[in-house]
Amino acid sequence: MPLSMNQEVFITCAVTGSGSTQERSPHVPRSPQQIAESAIAAAKAGAAIVHCHVRDPETGKPSRDPAMFREVTERIRDSDTDVVLNLTAGMGGDIVFGDVEQPLPTVAGTDMAGATERVAHVLDCRPEICTLDCGTMNFAEADYVMTNTPGMLRAMGRMMTESGVLPEIEAFDTGHLWFAKQLVAEGILKFPALVQLCMGVPWGAPDDLNTFMAMVNNVPDGWNWSAFSLGRNQMPYVSAAVLAGGNVRVGLEDNLWLGKGNLATNAQLVENAVGIIERMGARVIGPEAVREKLGLTKRAPA
């Protein structure tokens, strides 16, 4: 496929994530207020979309408390900074098995919820976008599996679509794109779909450029897509995604560093991405242009 550089690029900032990064950087926001403030700062720096998880304010551990999602949503929407809100719906599909000789019963860290419970905060907060992790995957931890069965994804995708929220397909490997195409073919997700290519997440698609282009080439014509990689490859992937025709994601969910020994804020990571995109000769677009491009409607919570 010939390269066709994207000339009008939107930036997503993944504000806090659910990884165990809270003790590694003082800039990883924990409370709903901190998460909202960091999201607003990222928007002011040039992010058109903010992707938000929530955390326990005391421990920093990931949470799916609907009240915290509601607080983050209201704080962002009550600010004087416009931004497209993207809430995670990835929580509630975690299985942590016992040891290799006795995997059952599952152990601490397991959090399996039904489809309705997993999207309850989405239906309540009514963000413009929410995520749909389009497959089951082994993560780096020895016995942890991110679990998303075809039936679960069909149910969650249908509820998202019927509520008027655009699912952002999180594709960690080519098979996830294959199933996403099936969801569109079945009418569960609308055409054109929105995809996030998640590169370099153990043990999904590695972030070498051959694998990246295989992922890009599996995104159907007409779909909108974005991409990111982790750690030191976050900023190189800003260039790679734009050059390959896509949009970009940066943020503390995926990378804590501006450079060796220099911990970043979300706003600083967005500022770096803006500089890279503009030096490539492309233009960074804002939230209103993104809403028009993706067919989004900004709504108040239910």
Protein backbone atom coordinates (compact mmCIF):
# COMPACT_ATOMS: atom_id res chain seq x y z
CA MET A 1 0.00 0.00 0.00
CA PRO A 2 1.48 3.40 -0.92
CA LEU A 3 1.87 5.79 1.99
CA SER A 4 -0.65 8.62 2.14
CA MET A 5 0.27 11.03 4.91
CA ASN A 6 -2.55 12.44 6.97
CA GLN A 7 -2.70 16.23 6.59
CA GLU A 8 -5.32 16.87 9.30
CA VAL A 9 -4.48 15.00 12.48
CA PHE A 10 -6.31 14.67 15.77
CA ILE A 11 -4.51 13.87 19.00
CA THR A 12 -5.94 11.67 21.75
CA CYS A 13 -4.43 11.99 25.22
CA ALA A 14 -4.71 8.81 27.32
CA VAL A 15 -4.70 10.56 30.68
CA THR A 16 -4.07 7.93 33.38
CA GLY A 17 -4.80 4.35 32.31
CA SER A 18 -5.14 1.36 34.62
CA GLY A 19 -1.53 0.16 34.79
CA SER A 20 0.59 0.16 37.93
CA THR A 21 2.23 3.49 37.12
CA GLN A 22 0.90 5.48 40.06
CA GLU A 23 4.05 4.99 42.15
CA ARG A 24 6.45 5.64 39.27
CA SER A 25 5.55 9.25 38.55
CA PRO A 26 3.99 12.03 40.62
CA HIS A 27 2.29 13.29 37.45
CA VAL A 28 -0.02 10.26 37.07
CA PRO A 29 -3.40 11.61 38.22
CA ARG A 30 -5.39 9.60 40.75
CA SER A 31 -8.48 11.44 42.02
CA PRO A 32 -11.34 12.46 39.71
CA GLN A 33 -10.33 16.09 40.22
CA GLN A 34 -6.70 15.38 39.27
CA ILE A 35 -7.75 13.32 36.25
CA ALA A 36 -10.10 16.05 35.04
CA GLU A 37 -7.50 18.77 35.57
CA SER A 38 -4.86 16.78 33.69
CA ALA A 39 -7.33 16.12 30.85
CA ILE A 40 -8.17 19.83 30.62
CA ALA A 41 -4.46 20.73 30.53
CA ALA A 42 -3.92 18.20 27.75
CA ALA A 43 -6.82 19.71 25.79
CA LYS A 44 -5.35 23.19 26.17
CA ALA A 45 -2.05 21.80 24.85
CA GLY A 46 -3.73 20.51 21.69
CA ALA A 47 -5.48 17.21 22.40
CA ALA A 48 -8.88 17.03 20.72
CA ILE A 49 -9.85 13.84 22.59
CA VAL A 50 -9.13 12.77 26.17
CA HIS A 51 -9.32 9.08 27.03
CA CYS A 52 -10.09 8.58 30.72
CA HIS A 53 -9.90 5.76 33.25
CA VAL A 54 -10.50 6.34 36.96
CA ARG A 55 -8.45 5.28 39.98
CA ASP A 56 -8.93 4.91 43.71
CA PRO A 57 -7.86 8.34 44.99
CA GLU A 58 -6.01 6.84 47.98
CA THR A 59 -4.19 3.87 46.45
CA GLY A 60 -4.10 4.85 42.79
CA LYS A 61 -5.34 1.38 41.83
CA PRO A 62 -7.70 1.15 38.83
CA SER A 63 -11.41 1.42 39.49
CA ARG A 64 -14.66 1.27 37.59
CA ASP A 65 -16.73 3.20 40.13
CA PRO A 66 -19.52 4.93 38.15
CA ALA A 67 -19.56 7.86 40.58
CA MET A 68 -15.93 8.64 39.83
CA PHE A 69 -16.53 8.47 36.08
CA ARG A 70 -19.48 10.83 36.58
CA GLU A 71 -17.31 13.28 38.54
CA VAL A 72 -14.57 13.27 35.89
CA THR A 73 -17.18 13.80 33.16
CA GLU A 74 -18.88 16.70 34.93
CA ARG A 75 -15.62 18.42 35.84
CA ILE A 76 -14.40 18.30 32.25
CA ARG A 77 -17.72 19.42 30.80
CA ASP A 78 -18.11 22.23 33.34
CA SER A 79 -14.72 23.66 32.42
CA ASP A 80 -14.26 26.37 29.82
CA THR A 81 -12.15 24.02 27.68
CA ASP A 82 -13.87 22.07 24.92
CA VAL A 83 -12.65 18.50 24.33
CA VAL A 84 -14.12 15.22 23.07
CA LEU A 85 -14.60 12.80 25.96
CA ASN A 86 -13.61 9.14 25.55
CA LEU A 87 -14.26 6.88 28.56
CA THR A 88 -12.81 3.42 28.91
CA ALA A 89 -15.13 0.42 28.97
CA GLY A 90 -12.24 -2.00 29.28
CA MET A 91 -12.61 -2.69 32.98
CA GLY A 92 -14.50 -5.73 34.30
CA GLY A 93 -12.92 -8.34 32.02
CA ASP A 94 -9.94 -9.37 34.14
CA ILE A 95 -9.11 -12.98 35.03
CA VAL A 96 -6.06 -13.78 37.15
CA PHE A 97 -5.49 -17.51 37.34
CA GLY A 98 -3.80 -19.42 40.14
CA ASP A 99 -0.47 -21.11 39.59
CA VAL A 100 0.25 -23.23 36.51
CA GLU A 101 -0.56 -26.50 38.30
CA GLN A 102 -3.78 -25.26 39.88
CA PRO A 103 -5.19 -22.40 37.80
CA LEU A 104 -8.62 -22.57 39.44
CA PRO A 105 -10.01 -21.00 41.51
CA THR A 106 -8.98 -17.60 40.22
CA VAL A 107 -7.08 -15.32 42.59
CA ALA A 108 -6.98 -11.70 43.73
CA GLY A 109 -7.18 -9.23 40.89
CA THR A 110 -9.95 -11.10 39.07
CA ASP A 111 -12.80 -8.74 38.16
CA MET A 112 -15.37 -10.20 35.80
CA ALA A 113 -18.61 -8.30 35.26
CA GLY A 114 -21.54 -8.65 32.91
CA ALA A 115 -21.98 -6.55 29.79
CA THR A 116 -24.54 -4.18 31.30
CA GLU A 117 -22.40 -3.51 34.36
CA ARG A 118 -19.31 -2.92 32.21
CA VAL A 119 -21.03 -0.16 30.23
CA ALA A 120 -23.19 1.30 33.03
CA HIS A 121 -20.96 4.37 33.43
CA VAL A 122 -21.01 4.93 29.66
CA LEU A 123 -24.81 4.93 29.56
CA ASP A 124 -24.86 7.29 32.57
CA CYS A 125 -22.16 9.76 31.48
CA ARG A 126 -22.88 9.67 27.72
CA PRO A 127 -19.40 10.51 26.43
CA GLU A 128 -18.96 11.01 22.71
CA ILE A 129 -16.66 7.95 22.54
CA CYS A 130 -15.97 4.86 24.65
CA THR A 131 -13.53 2.02 24.11
CA LEU A 132 -14.29 -1.55 23.05
CA ASP A 133 -11.32 -3.93 23.47
CA CYS A 134 -12.04 -6.19 20.53
CA GLY A 135 -10.56 -9.46 21.75
CA THR A 136 -9.12 -11.58 24.54
CA MET A 137 -5.39 -11.27 25.19
CA ASN A 138 -2.56 -12.36 27.48
CA PHE A 139 -0.93 -9.33 29.07
CA ALA A 140 2.62 -9.14 30.40
CA GLU A 141 1.68 -10.46 33.83
CA ALA A 142 2.22 -14.21 34.16
CA ASP A 143 -1.35 -15.34 34.76
CA TYR A 144 -3.54 -12.34 33.82
CA VAL A 145 -5.89 -12.55 30.85
CA MET A 146 -7.92 -9.63 29.47
CA THR A 147 -11.16 -11.42 28.64
CA ASN A 148 -13.59 -10.24 25.95
CA THR A 149 -15.62 -13.05 24.41
CA PRO A 150 -17.45 -12.61 21.09
CA GLY A 151 -20.77 -12.71 22.92
CA MET A 152 -19.66 -10.09 25.44
CA LEU A 153 -18.36 -7.81 22.69
CA ARG A 154 -21.56 -8.14 20.67
CA ALA A 155 -23.65 -7.23 23.72
CA MET A 156 -21.44 -4.31 24.78
CA GLY A 157 -21.07 -3.01 21.22
CA ARG A 158 -24.81 -3.06 20.69
CA MET A 159 -25.50 -1.12 23.90
CA MET A 160 -22.86 1.47 23.01
CA THR A 161 -24.21 1.98 19.51
CA GLU A 162 -27.85 2.14 20.60
CA SER A 163 -26.96 4.75 23.24
CA GLY A 164 -25.43 7.01 20.60
CA VAL A 165 -21.85 6.60 21.88
CA LEU A 166 -19.21 5.82 19.26
CA PRO A 167 -17.18 2.72 20.16
CA GLU A 168 -13.46 3.11 19.64
CA ILE A 169 -12.21 -0.36 18.70
CA GLU A 170 -9.02 -1.14 20.62
CA ALA A 171 -7.09 -3.52 18.37
CA PHE A 172 -4.10 -5.19 20.01
CA ASP A 173 -3.58 -7.67 17.16
CA THR A 174 -4.83 -8.44 13.66
CA GLY A 175 -7.47 -10.87 14.91
CA HIS A 176 -9.10 -8.03 16.82
CA LEU A 177 -9.50 -6.13 13.56
CA TRP A 178 -10.94 -9.25 11.94
CA PHE A 179 -13.64 -9.45 14.61
CA ALA A 180 -14.28 -5.69 14.44
CA LYS A 181 -15.05 -6.08 10.73
CA GLN A 182 -17.52 -8.80 11.65
CA LEU A 183 -19.26 -6.50 14.15
CA VAL A 184 -19.67 -3.88 11.42
CA ALA A 185 -20.91 -6.51 8.95
CA GLU A 186 -23.54 -7.59 11.51
CA GLY A 187 -24.65 -3.98 12.03
CA ILE A 188 -23.63 -3.97 15.70
CA LEU A 189 -21.08 -1.24 14.98
CA LYS A 190 -21.75 1.44 12.41
CA PHE A 191 -19.70 2.20 9.32
CA PRO A 192 -17.30 3.97 9.34
CA ALA A 193 -15.84 2.52 12.52
CA LEU A 194 -13.15 4.12 14.67
CA VAL A 195 -10.03 2.07 15.50
CA GLN A 196 -7.10 2.52 17.87
CA LEU A 197 -4.08 0.42 16.86
CA CYS A 198 -2.38 -0.56 20.14
CA MET A 199 1.22 -1.43 19.34
CA GLY A 200 3.93 -2.90 21.54
CA VAL A 201 1.65 -4.08 24.36
CA PRO A 202 2.93 -7.48 25.61
CA TRP A 203 1.72 -9.90 24.25
CA GLY A 204 -0.15 -8.28 21.40
CA ALA A 205 1.17 -6.87 18.14
CA PRO A 206 4.84 -5.84 18.46
CA ASP A 207 5.63 -2.28 17.43
CA ASP A 208 8.05 -2.99 14.60
CA LEU A 209 7.09 -1.18 11.41
CA ASN A 210 6.34 -4.34 9.41
CA THR A 211 3.73 -5.41 11.96
CA PHE A 212 2.40 -1.86 12.19
CA MET A 213 1.83 -1.68 8.44
CA ALA A 214 0.14 -5.10 8.54
CA MET A 215 -2.26 -3.63 11.11
CA VAL A 216 -2.76 -0.47 9.04
CA ASN A 217 -3.43 -2.52 5.92
CA ASN A 218 -6.13 -4.45 7.77
CA VAL A 219 -8.12 -1.29 8.59
CA PRO A 220 -10.92 -1.09 5.98
CA ASP A 221 -11.08 1.85 3.60
CA GLY A 222 -13.21 4.64 5.00
CA TRP A 223 -12.65 3.79 8.68
CA ASN A 224 -10.96 6.32 10.94
CA TRP A 225 -7.93 5.17 12.88
CA SER A 226 -5.28 6.22 15.32
CA ALA A 227 -2.20 4.48 16.73
CA PHE A 228 0.23 4.50 19.62
CA SER A 229 3.14 2.62 21.09
CA LEU A 230 4.53 2.43 24.60
CA GLY A 231 7.43 4.04 26.42
CA ARG A 232 10.33 5.33 24.38
CA ASN A 233 8.52 4.54 21.13
CA GLN A 234 5.55 6.80 21.89
CA MET A 235 6.89 9.82 20.02
CA PRO A 236 8.33 7.88 17.05
CA TYR A 237 4.84 6.44 16.61
CA VAL A 238 3.42 9.93 16.34
CA SER A 239 5.44 10.28 13.14
CA ALA A 240 4.72 6.74 11.97
CA ALA A 241 0.95 7.07 12.41
CA VAL A 242 0.75 10.39 10.57
CA LEU A 243 2.98 9.15 7.76
CA ALA A 244 0.81 6.05 7.34
CA GLY A 245 -2.37 8.15 7.13
CA GLY A 246 -3.67 7.99 10.69
CA ASN A 247 -4.08 9.97 13.88
CA VAL A 248 -2.09 9.78 17.10
CA ARG A 249 -2.37 8.98 20.79
CA VAL A 250 0.01 10.04 23.53
CA GLY A 251 -0.33 10.32 27.31
CA LEU A 252 0.71 8.93 30.67
CA GLU A 253 -1.29 5.73 30.19
CA ASP A 254 1.34 4.65 27.68
CA ASN A 255 4.53 6.54 28.57
CA LEU A 256 5.83 8.45 31.60
CA TRP A 257 8.89 10.11 30.09
CA LEU A 258 9.86 13.11 27.98
CA GLY A 259 13.39 11.74 27.89
CA LYS A 260 15.85 9.88 30.07
CA GLY A 261 15.44 11.07 33.64
CA ASN A 262 12.72 13.57 32.73
CA LEU A 263 9.21 12.63 33.83
CA ALA A 264 6.43 14.12 31.70
CA THR A 265 3.01 15.59 32.27
CA ASN A 266 0.15 14.84 29.90
CA ALA A 267 0.27 18.41 28.59
CA GLN A 268 3.98 18.12 27.81
CA LEU A 269 3.46 14.88 25.88
CA VAL A 270 0.70 16.51 23.85
CA GLU A 271 2.88 19.56 23.19
CA ASN A 272 5.64 17.27 21.89
CA ALA A 273 3.17 15.51 19.60
CA VAL A 274 1.85 18.83 18.27
CA GLY A 275 5.40 19.90 17.43
CA ILE A 276 6.18 16.67 15.59
CA ILE A 277 2.96 16.80 13.57
CA GLU A 278 3.38 20.43 12.58
CA ARG A 279 7.03 19.95 11.62
CA MET A 280 5.88 17.17 9.32
CA GLY A 281 3.73 19.74 7.53
CA ALA A 282 0.37 18.51 8.84
CA ARG A 283 -2.25 20.41 10.83
CA VAL A 284 -3.57 19.48 14.28
CA ILE A 285 -7.37 19.69 14.38
CA GLY A 286 -9.55 20.50 17.39
CA PRO A 287 -12.63 18.97 19.00
CA GLU A 288 -15.25 20.59 16.77
CA ALA A 289 -13.48 19.34 13.64
CA VAL A 290 -13.22 15.87 15.20
CA ARG A 291 -16.94 15.83 16.00
CA GLU A 292 -17.68 16.71 12.37
CA LYS A 293 -15.24 14.11 11.06
CA LEU A 294 -16.51 11.29 13.29
CA GLY A 295 -20.19 12.27 13.42
CA LEU A 296 -20.22 12.90 17.16
CA THR A 297 -22.77 14.76 19.27
CA LYS A 298 -21.81 16.34 22.57
CA ARG A 299 -24.48 15.57 25.19
CA ALA A 300 -25.06 16.12 28.88
CA PRO A 301 -25.00 13.13 31.25
CA ALA A 302 -28.29 11.27 31.69
